Each structure stands twice: as structure tokens, then as C-alpha cells.
Amino acid sequence: MATGRTDPERRDRIIDAALDLIVDEGVAGVSHRKVAARAGVPLGSMTYHFSGMDELLHEAFTRFSGTIVAVFEERLGAAGSPEEAREAVADLVHHLSGGNQRELILTHELYTLAARRPAYRELTRTWMSRSRRALEWHFDPATARQLDALIEGLSIHRALETEPTSAPSRSRRSPASPRPTRNTRRPGRTCRSRRRSASRTGLLSLHALGLLPW
């Protein structure tokens, strides 16, 4: 068997094997011995490449979250107009909830790990920050934050739904721009009314995607 020095892809294989094992047995079922066996490497390679299980899990979930962010960047980067950006957000929901059980399981395992162990919350925070940054290519920061939560929540709900769901029609996703609210016409608004108006604008933007039922 090749040594670590002559097998430069060994570290990557270990990370991929760890992700596969998490999908099959959950984080609780991961051990150095199981990962080494699945990756086809000597047990000593685990401590050669990683200081411990925490480093391996962090690297594995960093790789996984990077693949999801790449989907955000690809879809939103291809949008060249506000309408196409709205379409991209709707498509992200359908893509992320489209039956990929591996992604669903890894997402839930990461959230559970972060909920139990605060050290992993920085990883989820970085994930959310990167996805929101991609959304901000087309939306203001407040709306991007709401959209990020909406995409994630709807994706999980649709993925766990037992009855088939259909995509909203294109005409419903792209209605005419909402009429200005009363606050947007009134000069000299207070700071509180400005925040309320900004929040309302963000929710109207979500409604404009055709993904909210009201």
C-alpha cells in the first residue's frame, strides 16, 4: 500500500470516506477505524493527516458546505436581471429539495452537531455568510438574510414532505412589482417606521418569488 508521501490524494479520500460514513451511520457512528477501512488506508494515516476526530469532522463538513455554496454561486452568478435572480432563488429551493438524500442527511447532521457543540457553529455561520453574500449580488442585505432562511427552510420541508409538490408557475414567480406602501410615500418617517418599511419590503420580495402562500 502506498505511503502518505507517495499517495497525495489520501487525505482527500479520508475526508470523502468520513462524509460517506456520516451519511450511513451519522456522526455518532464515525470512528478512526471505520473511516480508515472505508478509505482503504492504514489506521496510522488518520493521526498522520488529522490531529483528531474534531479536525476530520470540521474538514469534512467544510467540504460539504462548500459544495452547497458553489450551487448558490453558480445559479445566482448566471442571473443577469432581477427576474432571473428571482427564478434562481426558486430553482435553488427545488434543486436543494429535489431528493438528494445525501445532502439532506449531511445538512441535518451538521446542524445537530452545531447545536450540541458550539465549536462547530462557526462553520455554519461561515456557510450562511457565504450563501448570503451570493444572494446580495442581486438583493439588499436584509432581503438576502430572509431569502437564505427561506431557501433553507423550504428545502428541508419539501425534502421531508411525503406528498409530491409541484413547482410554482413562472407567471406566479414573477408578478408585477408591488405597489409602494403608505410609508414609502410619507416624508420624515421615524427610525422605527423606516425599519418597519424595510422589513415589509423584504417580505414583499419573498412574496414576489411566488414561494409564499399569501
C-alpha atoms as a PDB file:
ATOM      1  CA  MET A   1       0.000   0.000   0.000  1.00  0.00           C
ATOM      2  CA  ALA A   2       1.306   3.441  -0.874  1.00  0.00           C
ATOM      3  CA  THR A   3       2.601   5.626   1.921  1.00  0.00           C
ATOM      4  CA  GLY A   4       1.254   9.075   2.649  1.00  0.00           C
ATOM      5  CA  ARG A   5       4.154  10.688   0.834  1.00  0.00           C
ATOM      6  CA  THR A   6       3.524   8.734  -2.380  1.00  0.00           C
ATOM      7  CA  ASP A   7      -0.260   8.972  -2.128  1.00  0.00           C
ATOM      8  CA  PRO A   8      -1.057  12.705  -2.232  1.00  0.00           C
ATOM      9  CA  GLU A   9      -4.808  12.066  -2.587  1.00  0.00           C
ATOM     10  CA  ARG A  10      -5.006  10.024   0.610  1.00  0.00           C
ATOM     11  CA  ARG A  11      -6.135  12.951   2.760  1.00  0.00           C
ATOM     12  CA  ASP A  12      -8.950  13.738   0.343  1.00  0.00           C
ATOM     13  CA  ARG A  13     -10.039  10.087   0.314  1.00  0.00           C
ATOM     14  CA  ILE A  14     -10.188  10.083   4.088  1.00  0.00           C
ATOM     15  CA  ILE A  15     -12.425  13.177   4.080  1.00  0.00           C
ATOM     16  CA  ASP A  16     -14.712  11.674   1.430  1.00  0.00           C
ATOM     17  CA  ALA A  17     -14.877   8.412   3.378  1.00  0.00           C
ATOM     18  CA  ALA A  18     -15.805  10.318   6.534  1.00  0.00           C
ATOM     19  CA  LEU A  19     -18.699  12.023   4.708  1.00  0.00           C
ATOM     20  CA  ASP A  20     -19.897   8.681   3.326  1.00  0.00           C
ATOM     21  CA  LEU A  21     -19.780   7.165   6.803  1.00  0.00           C
ATOM     22  CA  ILE A  22     -21.703  10.105   8.282  1.00  0.00           C
ATOM     23  CA  VAL A  23     -24.427   9.567   5.683  1.00  0.00           C
ATOM     24  CA  ASP A  24     -24.643   5.848   6.531  1.00  0.00           C
ATOM     25  CA  GLU A  25     -24.222   5.906  10.314  1.00  0.00           C
ATOM     26  CA  GLY A  26     -24.382   9.520  11.471  1.00  0.00           C
ATOM     27  CA  VAL A  27     -21.677  11.459  13.276  1.00  0.00           C
ATOM     28  CA  ALA A  28     -22.115   9.207  16.307  1.00  0.00           C
ATOM     29  CA  GLY A  29     -21.055   6.199  14.231  1.00  0.00           C
ATOM     30  CA  VAL A  30     -17.818   7.698  12.930  1.00  0.00           C
ATOM     31  CA  SER A  31     -14.531   6.340  14.259  1.00  0.00           C
ATOM     32  CA  HIS A  32     -10.930   6.429  13.068  1.00  0.00           C
ATOM     33  CA  ARG A  33     -11.002   2.700  12.396  1.00  0.00           C
ATOM     34  CA  LYS A  34     -14.210   2.804  10.340  1.00  0.00           C
ATOM     35  CA  VAL A  35     -13.055   5.791   8.267  1.00  0.00           C
ATOM     36  CA  ALA A  36      -9.661   4.209   7.587  1.00  0.00           C
ATOM     37  CA  ALA A  37     -11.291   0.973   6.475  1.00  0.00           C
ATOM     38  CA  ARG A  38     -13.693   2.757   4.145  1.00  0.00           C
ATOM     39  CA  ALA A  39     -10.935   4.927   2.685  1.00  0.00           C
ATOM     40  CA  GLY A  40      -8.655   1.929   2.249  1.00  0.00           C
ATOM     41  CA  VAL A  41      -5.784   3.458   4.219  1.00  0.00           C
ATOM     42  CA  PRO A  42      -3.757   2.291   7.229  1.00  0.00           C
ATOM     43  CA  LEU A  43      -5.160   3.296  10.603  1.00  0.00           C
ATOM     44  CA  GLY A  44      -1.984   5.300  11.248  1.00  0.00           C
ATOM     45  CA  SER A  45      -2.866   7.590   8.344  1.00  0.00           C
ATOM     46  CA  MET A  46      -5.686   9.058  10.411  1.00  0.00           C
ATOM     47  CA  THR A  47      -3.375  10.582  13.003  1.00  0.00           C
ATOM     48  CA  TYR A  48      -0.791  11.414  10.329  1.00  0.00           C
ATOM     49  CA  HIS A  49      -3.227  13.662   8.423  1.00  0.00           C
ATOM     50  CA  PHE A  50      -5.535  14.829  11.233  1.00  0.00           C
ATOM     51  CA  SER A  51      -4.857  15.825  14.812  1.00  0.00           C
ATOM     52  CA  GLY A  52      -8.083  14.167  15.936  1.00  0.00           C
ATOM     53  CA  MET A  53     -11.700  13.428  15.084  1.00  0.00           C
ATOM     54  CA  ASP A  54     -12.736  17.070  15.533  1.00  0.00           C
ATOM     55  CA  GLU A  55     -10.355  18.207  12.804  1.00  0.00           C
ATOM     56  CA  LEU A  56     -11.564  15.465  10.461  1.00  0.00           C
ATOM     57  CA  LEU A  57     -15.235  16.318  11.037  1.00  0.00           C
ATOM     58  CA  HIS A  58     -14.545  20.018  10.583  1.00  0.00           C
ATOM     59  CA  GLU A  59     -12.734  19.386   7.294  1.00  0.00           C
ATOM     60  CA  ALA A  60     -15.476  17.046   6.085  1.00  0.00           C
ATOM     61  CA  PHE A  61     -18.338  19.433   6.825  1.00  0.00           C
ATOM     62  CA  THR A  62     -16.357  22.355   5.405  1.00  0.00           C
ATOM     63  CA  ARG A  63     -16.056  20.443   2.142  1.00  0.00           C
ATOM     64  CA  PHE A  64     -19.744  19.598   2.149  1.00  0.00           C
ATOM     65  CA  SER A  65     -20.908  23.142   2.870  1.00  0.00           C
ATOM     66  CA  GLY A  66     -18.598  24.392   0.134  1.00  0.00           C
ATOM     67  CA  THR A  67     -20.435  22.259  -2.425  1.00  0.00           C
ATOM     68  CA  ILE A  68     -23.765  23.824  -1.413  1.00  0.00           C
ATOM     69  CA  VAL A  69     -22.340  27.346  -1.593  1.00  0.00           C
ATOM     70  CA  ALA A  70     -20.989  26.533  -5.056  1.00  0.00           C
ATOM     71  CA  VAL A  71     -24.562  25.756  -6.173  1.00  0.00           C
ATOM     72  CA  PHE A  72     -25.701  29.149  -4.842  1.00  0.00           C
ATOM     73  CA  GLU A  73     -22.879  30.925  -6.652  1.00  0.00           C
ATOM     74  CA  GLU A  74     -23.476  29.063  -9.899  1.00  0.00           C
ATOM     75  CA  ARG A  75     -27.236  29.717 -10.028  1.00  0.00           C
ATOM     76  CA  LEU A  76     -27.114  33.322  -8.810  1.00  0.00           C
ATOM     77  CA  GLY A  77     -23.999  34.138 -10.824  1.00  0.00           C
ATOM     78  CA  ALA A  78     -25.805  33.175 -14.014  1.00  0.00           C
ATOM     79  CA  ALA A  79     -28.703  35.562 -13.305  1.00  0.00           C
ATOM     80  CA  GLY A  80     -28.468  38.743 -15.338  1.00  0.00           C
ATOM     81  CA  SER A  81     -31.649  40.523 -14.289  1.00  0.00           C
ATOM     82  CA  PRO A  82     -33.938  40.838 -11.236  1.00  0.00           C
ATOM     83  CA  GLU A  83     -36.400  38.416 -12.799  1.00  0.00           C
ATOM     84  CA  GLU A  84     -33.659  35.857 -13.426  1.00  0.00           C
ATOM     85  CA  ALA A  85     -32.445  36.320  -9.841  1.00  0.00           C
ATOM     86  CA  ARG A  86     -35.937  35.513  -8.548  1.00  0.00           C
ATOM     87  CA  GLU A  87     -36.013  32.467 -10.817  1.00  0.00           C
ATOM     88  CA  ALA A  88     -32.623  31.414  -9.463  1.00  0.00           C
ATOM     89  CA  VAL A  89     -33.879  31.562  -5.871  1.00  0.00           C
ATOM     90  CA  ALA A  90     -36.928  29.452  -6.722  1.00  0.00           C
ATOM     91  CA  ASP A  91     -34.740  26.991  -8.621  1.00  0.00           C
ATOM     92  CA  LEU A  92     -32.406  26.718  -5.623  1.00  0.00           C
ATOM     93  CA  VAL A  93     -35.293  25.603  -3.440  1.00  0.00           C
ATOM     94  CA  HIS A  94     -36.306  22.923  -5.932  1.00  0.00           C
ATOM     95  CA  HIS A  95     -32.724  21.809  -6.526  1.00  0.00           C
ATOM     96  CA  LEU A  96     -31.824  21.520  -2.836  1.00  0.00           C
ATOM     97  CA  SER A  97     -35.037  19.651  -2.031  1.00  0.00           C
ATOM     98  CA  GLY A  98     -35.009  17.500  -5.145  1.00  0.00           C
ATOM     99  CA  GLY A  99     -34.469  14.162  -3.453  1.00  0.00           C
ATOM    100  CA  ASN A 100     -30.724  14.160  -2.782  1.00  0.00           C
ATOM    101  CA  GLN A 101     -30.803  12.246   0.491  1.00  0.00           C
ATOM    102  CA  ARG A 102     -27.051  12.578   0.949  1.00  0.00           C
ATOM    103  CA  GLU A 103     -27.233  16.373   1.082  1.00  0.00           C
ATOM    104  CA  LEU A 104     -30.282  16.279   3.355  1.00  0.00           C
ATOM    105  CA  ILE A 105     -28.652  13.900   5.839  1.00  0.00           C
ATOM    106  CA  LEU A 106     -25.355  15.789   5.906  1.00  0.00           C
ATOM    107  CA  THR A 107     -27.176  19.085   6.453  1.00  0.00           C
ATOM    108  CA  HIS A 108     -29.117  17.705   9.421  1.00  0.00           C
ATOM    109  CA  GLU A 109     -26.047  16.028  10.880  1.00  0.00           C
ATOM    110  CA  LEU A 110     -24.125  19.307  10.724  1.00  0.00           C
ATOM    111  CA  TYR A 111     -26.965  21.264  12.329  1.00  0.00           C
ATOM    112  CA  THR A 112     -27.283  18.693  15.109  1.00  0.00           C
ATOM    113  CA  LEU A 113     -23.537  18.772  15.711  1.00  0.00           C
ATOM    114  CA  ALA A 114     -23.514  22.575  15.802  1.00  0.00           C
ATOM    115  CA  ALA A 115     -26.495  22.634  18.177  1.00  0.00           C
ATOM    116  CA  ARG A 116     -24.740  20.306  20.599  1.00  0.00           C
ATOM    117  CA  ARG A 117     -21.197  21.596  20.238  1.00  0.00           C
ATOM    118  CA  PRO A 118     -20.753  25.374  19.944  1.00  0.00           C
ATOM    119  CA  ALA A 119     -17.297  24.984  18.374  1.00  0.00           C
ATOM    120  CA  TYR A 120     -18.994  23.906  15.132  1.00  0.00           C
ATOM    121  CA  ARG A 121     -21.297  26.923  14.955  1.00  0.00           C
ATOM    122  CA  GLU A 122     -18.557  28.975  13.356  1.00  0.00           C
ATOM    123  CA  LEU A 123     -18.685  26.554  10.445  1.00  0.00           C
ATOM    124  CA  THR A 124     -22.438  27.017   9.982  1.00  0.00           C
ATOM    125  CA  ARG A 125     -22.029  30.780  10.404  1.00  0.00           C
ATOM    126  CA  THR A 126     -19.430  30.823   7.624  1.00  0.00           C
ATOM    127  CA  TRP A 127     -21.740  28.754   5.417  1.00  0.00           C
ATOM    128  CA  MET A 128     -24.631  31.185   5.925  1.00  0.00           C
ATOM    129  CA  SER A 129     -22.373  34.188   5.393  1.00  0.00           C
ATOM    130  CA  ARG A 130     -21.151  32.858   2.041  1.00  0.00           C
ATOM    131  CA  SER A 131     -24.635  31.988   0.799  1.00  0.00           C
ATOM    132  CA  ARG A 132     -25.951  35.417   1.819  1.00  0.00           C
ATOM    133  CA  ARG A 133     -23.046  37.071   0.050  1.00  0.00           C
ATOM    134  CA  ALA A 134     -24.088  35.354  -3.171  1.00  0.00           C
ATOM    135  CA  LEU A 135     -27.697  36.460  -2.655  1.00  0.00           C
ATOM    136  CA  GLU A 136     -26.506  40.035  -2.117  1.00  0.00           C
ATOM    137  CA  TRP A 137     -25.314  40.093  -5.723  1.00  0.00           C
ATOM    138  CA  HIS A 138     -28.999  40.733  -6.502  1.00  0.00           C
ATOM    139  CA  PHE A 139     -30.795  41.589  -3.238  1.00  0.00           C
ATOM    140  CA  ASP A 140     -30.245  44.035  -0.385  1.00  0.00           C
ATOM    141  CA  PRO A 141     -28.709  42.524   2.788  1.00  0.00           C
ATOM    142  CA  ALA A 142     -31.974  42.395   4.763  1.00  0.00           C
ATOM    143  CA  THR A 143     -33.790  40.586   1.966  1.00  0.00           C
ATOM    144  CA  ALA A 144     -30.798  38.309   1.361  1.00  0.00           C
ATOM    145  CA  ARG A 145     -30.909  37.190   5.001  1.00  0.00           C
ATOM    146  CA  GLN A 146     -34.618  36.388   4.739  1.00  0.00           C
ATOM    147  CA  LEU A 147     -34.143  34.611   1.430  1.00  0.00           C
ATOM    148  CA  ASP A 148     -31.333  32.491   2.843  1.00  0.00           C
ATOM    149  CA  ALA A 149     -33.563  31.337   5.685  1.00  0.00           C
ATOM    150  CA  LEU A 150     -36.462  30.805   3.281  1.00  0.00           C
ATOM    151  CA  ILE A 151     -34.401  28.700   0.869  1.00  0.00           C
ATOM    152  CA  GLU A 152     -33.052  26.545   3.661  1.00  0.00           C
ATOM    153  CA  GLY A 153     -36.371  26.121   5.446  1.00  0.00           C
ATOM    154  CA  LEU A 154     -38.403  25.367   2.336  1.00  0.00           C
ATOM    155  CA  SER A 155     -35.752  22.975   1.058  1.00  0.00           C
ATOM    156  CA  ILE A 156     -35.871  20.955   4.262  1.00  0.00           C
ATOM    157  CA  HIS A 157     -39.676  20.995   4.408  1.00  0.00           C
ATOM    158  CA  ARG A 158     -40.036  19.941   0.761  1.00  0.00           C
ATOM    159  CA  ALA A 159     -37.378  17.238   1.117  1.00  0.00           C
ATOM    160  CA  LEU A 160     -39.231  15.722   4.102  1.00  0.00           C
ATOM    161  CA  GLU A 161     -42.685  16.084   2.534  1.00  0.00           C
ATOM    162  CA  THR A 162     -44.350  12.726   1.898  1.00  0.00           C
ATOM    163  CA  GLU A 163     -46.650  14.028  -0.842  1.00  0.00           C
ATOM    164  CA  PRO A 164     -45.311  15.277  -4.198  1.00  0.00           C
ATOM    165  CA  THR A 165     -45.079  19.023  -4.665  1.00  0.00           C
ATOM    166  CA  SER A 166     -45.093  20.986  -7.894  1.00  0.00           C
ATOM    167  CA  ALA A 167     -43.032  23.993  -8.851  1.00  0.00           C
ATOM    168  CA  PRO A 168     -44.831  27.342  -8.964  1.00  0.00           C
ATOM    169  CA  SER A 169     -45.559  28.584 -12.435  1.00  0.00           C
ATOM    170  CA  ARG A 170     -43.249  31.130 -13.992  1.00  0.00           C
ATOM    171  CA  SER A 171     -46.057  33.689 -14.092  1.00  0.00           C
ATOM    172  CA  ARG A 172     -46.569  33.335 -10.344  1.00  0.00           C
ATOM    173  CA  ARG A 173     -42.870  33.682  -9.619  1.00  0.00           C
ATOM    174  CA  SER A 174     -42.554  36.963 -11.459  1.00  0.00           C
ATOM    175  CA  PRO A 175     -45.560  39.202 -10.779  1.00  0.00           C
ATOM    176  CA  ALA A 176     -45.577  42.913 -11.293  1.00  0.00           C
ATOM    177  CA  SER A 177     -43.632  44.966  -8.784  1.00  0.00           C
ATOM    178  CA  PRO A 178     -45.641  45.597  -5.583  1.00  0.00           C
ATOM    179  CA  ARG A 179     -47.213  48.993  -5.168  1.00  0.00           C
ATOM    180  CA  PRO A 180     -45.445  51.382  -2.783  1.00  0.00           C
ATOM    181  CA  THR A 181     -46.671  51.148   0.771  1.00  0.00           C
ATOM    182  CA  ARG A 182     -48.054  54.159   2.578  1.00  0.00           C
ATOM    183  CA  ASN A 183     -44.806  54.595   4.485  1.00  0.00           C
ATOM    184  CA  THR A 184     -42.751  54.830   1.303  1.00  0.00           C
ATOM    185  CA  ARG A 185     -44.719  57.929   0.227  1.00  0.00           C
ATOM    186  CA  ARG A 186     -44.577  59.771   3.525  1.00  0.00           C
ATOM    187  CA  PRO A 187     -41.592  62.062   4.153  1.00  0.00           C
ATOM    188  CA  GLY A 188     -39.967  62.437   7.560  1.00  0.00           C
ATOM    189  CA  ARG A 189     -40.571  58.916   8.795  1.00  0.00           C
ATOM    190  CA  THR A 190     -39.196  57.894  12.169  1.00  0.00           C
ATOM    191  CA  CYS A 191     -36.395  55.344  12.510  1.00  0.00           C
ATOM    192  CA  ARG A 192     -38.946  52.802  13.691  1.00  0.00           C
ATOM    193  CA  SER A 193     -41.146  53.296  10.656  1.00  0.00           C
ATOM    194  CA  ARG A 194     -38.117  53.014   8.379  1.00  0.00           C
ATOM    195  CA  ARG A 195     -37.208  49.641   9.894  1.00  0.00           C
ATOM    196  CA  ARG A 196     -40.823  48.518   9.616  1.00  0.00           C
ATOM    197  CA  SER A 197     -40.952  49.578   5.980  1.00  0.00           C
ATOM    198  CA  ALA A 198     -37.662  47.812   5.196  1.00  0.00           C
ATOM    199  CA  SER A 199     -38.938  44.631   6.782  1.00  0.00           C
ATOM    200  CA  ARG A 200     -42.186  44.878   4.825  1.00  0.00           C
ATOM    201  CA  THR A 201     -40.254  45.423   1.604  1.00  0.00           C
ATOM    202  CA  GLY A 202     -38.197  42.309   2.311  1.00  0.00           C
ATOM    203  CA  LEU A 203     -41.319  40.212   2.863  1.00  0.00           C
ATOM    204  CA  LEU A 204     -42.869  41.566  -0.308  1.00  0.00           C
ATOM    205  CA  SER A 205     -39.719  40.492  -2.124  1.00  0.00           C
ATOM    206  CA  LEU A 206     -40.215  36.972  -0.784  1.00  0.00           C
ATOM    207  CA  HIS A 207     -43.837  37.025  -1.893  1.00  0.00           C
ATOM    208  CA  ALA A 208     -42.729  38.158  -5.343  1.00  0.00           C
ATOM    209  CA  LEU A 209     -40.877  34.888  -5.756  1.00  0.00           C
ATOM    210  CA  GLY A 210     -44.164  33.042  -5.779  1.00  0.00           C
ATOM    211  CA  LEU A 211     -42.966  30.865  -2.882  1.00  0.00           C
ATOM    212  CA  LEU A 212     -45.115  32.369  -0.129  1.00  0.00           C
ATOM    213  CA  PRO A 213     -48.821  31.437   0.011  1.00  0.00           C
ATOM    214  CA  TRP A 214     -50.042  34.992   0.733  1.00  0.00           C
END
